[in-house]
Amino acid sequence: MSLLIENTVCLVNGAIFELSQSMFHYEKAKLLNRINFK
């Protein structure tokens, strides 16, 4: 049971990390586009 919980926590942390990475890249791309299209 505890192993399952640990695996779930790892998966959730990984998903949150992936999401924050993609959000960061999205914001950066948006900023770059704004600079380029002035």
PDB file of N, CA and C in Angstrom:
ATOM      1  N   MET A   1       0.836  -1.207   0.000  1.00  0.00           N
ATOM      2  CA  MET A   1       0.000   0.000   0.000  1.00  0.00           C
ATOM      3  C   MET A   1       0.874   1.262   0.000  1.00  0.00           C
ATOM      4  N   SER A   2       1.887   1.269   0.858  1.00  0.00           N
ATOM      5  CA  SER A   2       2.739   2.462   0.935  1.00  0.00           C
ATOM      6  C   SER A   2       3.513   2.678  -0.369  1.00  0.00           C
ATOM      7  N   LEU A   3       3.880   1.566  -1.018  1.00  0.00           N
ATOM      8  CA  LEU A   3       4.596   1.672  -2.292  1.00  0.00           C
ATOM      9  C   LEU A   3       3.710   2.336  -3.346  1.00  0.00           C
ATOM     10  N   LEU A   4       2.440   1.980  -3.347  1.00  0.00           N
ATOM     11  CA  LEU A   4       1.480   2.571  -4.280  1.00  0.00           C
ATOM     12  C   LEU A   4       1.365   4.073  -4.044  1.00  0.00           C
ATOM     13  N   ILE A   5       1.300   4.459  -2.778  1.00  0.00           N
ATOM     14  CA  ILE A   5       1.195   5.882  -2.438  1.00  0.00           C
ATOM     15  C   ILE A   5       2.457   6.622  -2.886  1.00  0.00           C
ATOM     16  N   GLU A   6       3.618   6.010  -2.649  1.00  0.00           N
ATOM     17  CA  GLU A   6       4.878   6.636  -3.075  1.00  0.00           C
ATOM     18  C   GLU A   6       4.918   6.812  -4.587  1.00  0.00           C
ATOM     19  N   ASN A   7       4.483   5.793  -5.323  1.00  0.00           N
ATOM     20  CA  ASN A   7       4.448   5.882  -6.787  1.00  0.00           C
ATOM     21  C   ASN A   7       3.504   6.982  -7.244  1.00  0.00           C
ATOM     22  N   THR A   8       2.349   7.081  -6.590  1.00  0.00           N
ATOM     23  CA  THR A   8       1.370   8.109  -6.942  1.00  0.00           C
ATOM     24  C   THR A   8       1.940   9.497  -6.688  1.00  0.00           C
ATOM     25  N   VAL A   9       2.611   9.662  -5.545  1.00  0.00           N
ATOM     26  CA  VAL A   9       3.227  10.951  -5.218  1.00  0.00           C
ATOM     27  C   VAL A   9       4.279  11.312  -6.262  1.00  0.00           C
ATOM     28  N   CYS A  10       5.081  10.330  -6.670  1.00  0.00           N
ATOM     29  CA  CYS A  10       6.096  10.567  -7.703  1.00  0.00           C
ATOM     30  C   CYS A  10       5.441  10.991  -9.015  1.00  0.00           C
ATOM     31  N   LEU A  11       4.377  10.315  -9.398  1.00  0.00           N
ATOM     32  CA  LEU A  11       3.670  10.645 -10.637  1.00  0.00           C
ATOM     33  C   LEU A  11       3.089  12.050 -10.581  1.00  0.00           C
ATOM     34  N   VAL A  12       2.463  12.386  -9.452  1.00  0.00           N
ATOM     35  CA  VAL A  12       1.849  13.710  -9.296  1.00  0.00           C
ATOM     36  C   VAL A  12       2.920  14.790  -9.321  1.00  0.00           C
ATOM     37  N   ASN A  13       4.012  14.580  -8.600  1.00  0.00           N
ATOM     38  CA  ASN A  13       5.108  15.552  -8.602  1.00  0.00           C
ATOM     39  C   ASN A  13       5.680  15.714 -10.004  1.00  0.00           C
ATOM     40  N   GLY A  14       5.819  14.612 -10.729  1.00  0.00           N
ATOM     41  CA  GLY A  14       6.311  14.671 -12.096  1.00  0.00           C
ATOM     42  C   GLY A  14       5.374  15.457 -12.995  1.00  0.00           C
ATOM     43  N   ALA A  15       4.066  15.228 -12.830  1.00  0.00           N
ATOM     44  CA  ALA A  15       3.072  15.929 -13.644  1.00  0.00           C
ATOM     45  C   ALA A  15       3.091  17.421 -13.346  1.00  0.00           C
ATOM     46  N   ILE A  16       3.196  17.773 -12.066  1.00  0.00           N
ATOM     47  CA  ILE A  16       3.247  19.187 -11.674  1.00  0.00           C
ATOM     48  C   ILE A  16       4.505  19.836 -12.244  1.00  0.00           C
ATOM     49  N   PHE A  17       5.627  19.109 -12.188  1.00  0.00           N
ATOM     50  CA  PHE A  17       6.883  19.626 -12.730  1.00  0.00           C
ATOM     51  C   PHE A  17       6.760  19.863 -14.230  1.00  0.00           C
ATOM     52  N   GLU A  18       6.223  18.883 -14.947  1.00  0.00           N
ATOM     53  CA  GLU A  18       6.023  19.006 -16.398  1.00  0.00           C
ATOM     54  C   GLU A  18       5.142  20.207 -16.719  1.00  0.00           C
ATOM     55  N   LEU A  19       4.065  20.359 -15.953  1.00  0.00           N
ATOM     56  CA  LEU A  19       3.122  21.452 -16.182  1.00  0.00           C
ATOM     57  C   LEU A  19       3.790  22.797 -15.954  1.00  0.00           C
ATOM     58  N   SER A  20       4.548  22.919 -14.868  1.00  0.00           N
ATOM     59  CA  SER A  20       5.205  24.191 -14.573  1.00  0.00           C
ATOM     60  C   SER A  20       6.265  24.504 -15.624  1.00  0.00           C
ATOM     61  N   GLN A  21       6.964  23.471 -16.114  1.00  0.00           N
ATOM     62  CA  GLN A  21       7.953  23.667 -17.175  1.00  0.00           C
ATOM     63  C   GLN A  21       7.284  24.183 -18.449  1.00  0.00           C
ATOM     64  N   SER A  22       6.175  23.547 -18.845  1.00  0.00           N
ATOM     65  CA  SER A  22       5.502  23.949 -20.079  1.00  0.00           C
ATOM     66  C   SER A  22       4.882  25.338 -19.932  1.00  0.00           C
ATOM     67  N   MET A  23       4.360  25.661 -18.737  1.00  0.00           N
ATOM     68  CA  MET A  23       3.815  27.000 -18.494  1.00  0.00           C
ATOM     69  C   MET A  23       4.929  28.033 -18.605  1.00  0.00           C
ATOM     70  N   PHE A  24       6.102  27.709 -18.045  1.00  0.00           N
ATOM     71  CA  PHE A  24       7.246  28.616 -18.096  1.00  0.00           C
ATOM     72  C   PHE A  24       7.656  28.873 -19.540  1.00  0.00           C
ATOM     73  N   HIS A  25       7.752  27.804 -20.335  1.00  0.00           N
ATOM     74  CA  HIS A  25       8.134  27.946 -21.742  1.00  0.00           C
ATOM     75  C   HIS A  25       7.077  28.725 -22.516  1.00  0.00           C
ATOM     76  N   TYR A  26       5.801  28.508 -22.191  1.00  0.00           N
ATOM     77  CA  TYR A  26       4.709  29.215 -22.855  1.00  0.00           C
ATOM     78  C   TYR A  26       4.791  30.708 -22.570  1.00  0.00           C
ATOM     79  N   GLU A  27       5.009  31.066 -21.296  1.00  0.00           N
ATOM     80  CA  GLU A  27       5.122  32.480 -20.926  1.00  0.00           C
ATOM     81  C   GLU A  27       6.327  33.114 -21.617  1.00  0.00           C
ATOM     82  N   LYS A  28       7.443  32.381 -21.669  1.00  0.00           N
ATOM     83  CA  LYS A  28       8.658  32.890 -22.303  1.00  0.00           C
ATOM     84  C   LYS A  28       8.418  33.115 -23.788  1.00  0.00           C
ATOM     85  N   ALA A  29       7.744  32.172 -24.440  1.00  0.00           N
ATOM     86  CA  ALA A  29       7.453  32.297 -25.868  1.00  0.00           C
ATOM     87  C   ALA A  29       6.532  33.484 -26.124  1.00  0.00           C
ATOM     88  N   LYS A  30       5.540  33.673 -25.240  1.00  0.00           N
ATOM     89  CA  LYS A  30       4.612  34.786 -25.372  1.00  0.00           C
ATOM     90  C   LYS A  30       5.371  36.108 -25.265  1.00  0.00           C
ATOM     91  N   LEU A  31       6.293  36.174 -24.306  1.00  0.00           N
ATOM     92  CA  LEU A  31       7.091  37.380 -24.104  1.00  0.00           C
ATOM     93  C   LEU A  31       7.970  37.651 -25.322  1.00  0.00           C
ATOM     94  N   LEU A  32       8.607  36.600 -25.850  1.00  0.00           N
ATOM     95  CA  LEU A  32       9.460  36.751 -27.029  1.00  0.00           C
ATOM     96  C   LEU A  32       8.646  37.223 -28.229  1.00  0.00           C
ATOM     97  N   ASN A  33       7.457  36.663 -28.408  1.00  0.00           N
ATOM     98  CA  ASN A  33       6.598  37.074 -29.518  1.00  0.00           C
ATOM     99  C   ASN A  33       6.222  38.539 -29.392  1.00  0.00           C
ATOM    100  N   ARG A  34       5.929  38.987 -28.172  1.00  0.00           N
ATOM    101  CA  ARG A  34       5.557  40.378 -27.947  1.00  0.00           C
ATOM    102  C   ARG A  34       6.714  41.296 -28.318  1.00  0.00           C
ATOM    103  N   ILE A  35       7.935  40.884 -27.961  1.00  0.00           N
ATOM    104  CA  ILE A  35       9.118  41.687 -28.279  1.00  0.00           C
ATOM    105  C   ILE A  35       9.342  41.713 -29.793  1.00  0.00           C
ATOM    106  N   ASN A  36       9.178  40.571 -30.446  1.00  0.00           N
ATOM    107  CA  ASN A  36       9.434  40.467 -31.881  1.00  0.00           C
ATOM    108  C   ASN A  36       8.441  41.258 -32.715  1.00  0.00           C
ATOM    109  N   PHE A  37       7.192  41.348 -32.252  1.00  0.00           N
ATOM    110  CA  PHE A  37       6.150  41.963 -33.080  1.00  0.00           C
ATOM    111  C   PHE A  37       5.888  43.423 -32.744  1.00  0.00           C
ATOM    112  N   LYS A  38       6.840  44.070 -32.072  1.00  0.00           N
ATOM    113  CA  LYS A  38       6.664  45.497 -31.781  1.00  0.00           C
ATOM    114  C   LYS A  38       6.814  46.320 -33.048  1.00  0.00           C
TER     115      LYS A  38
END
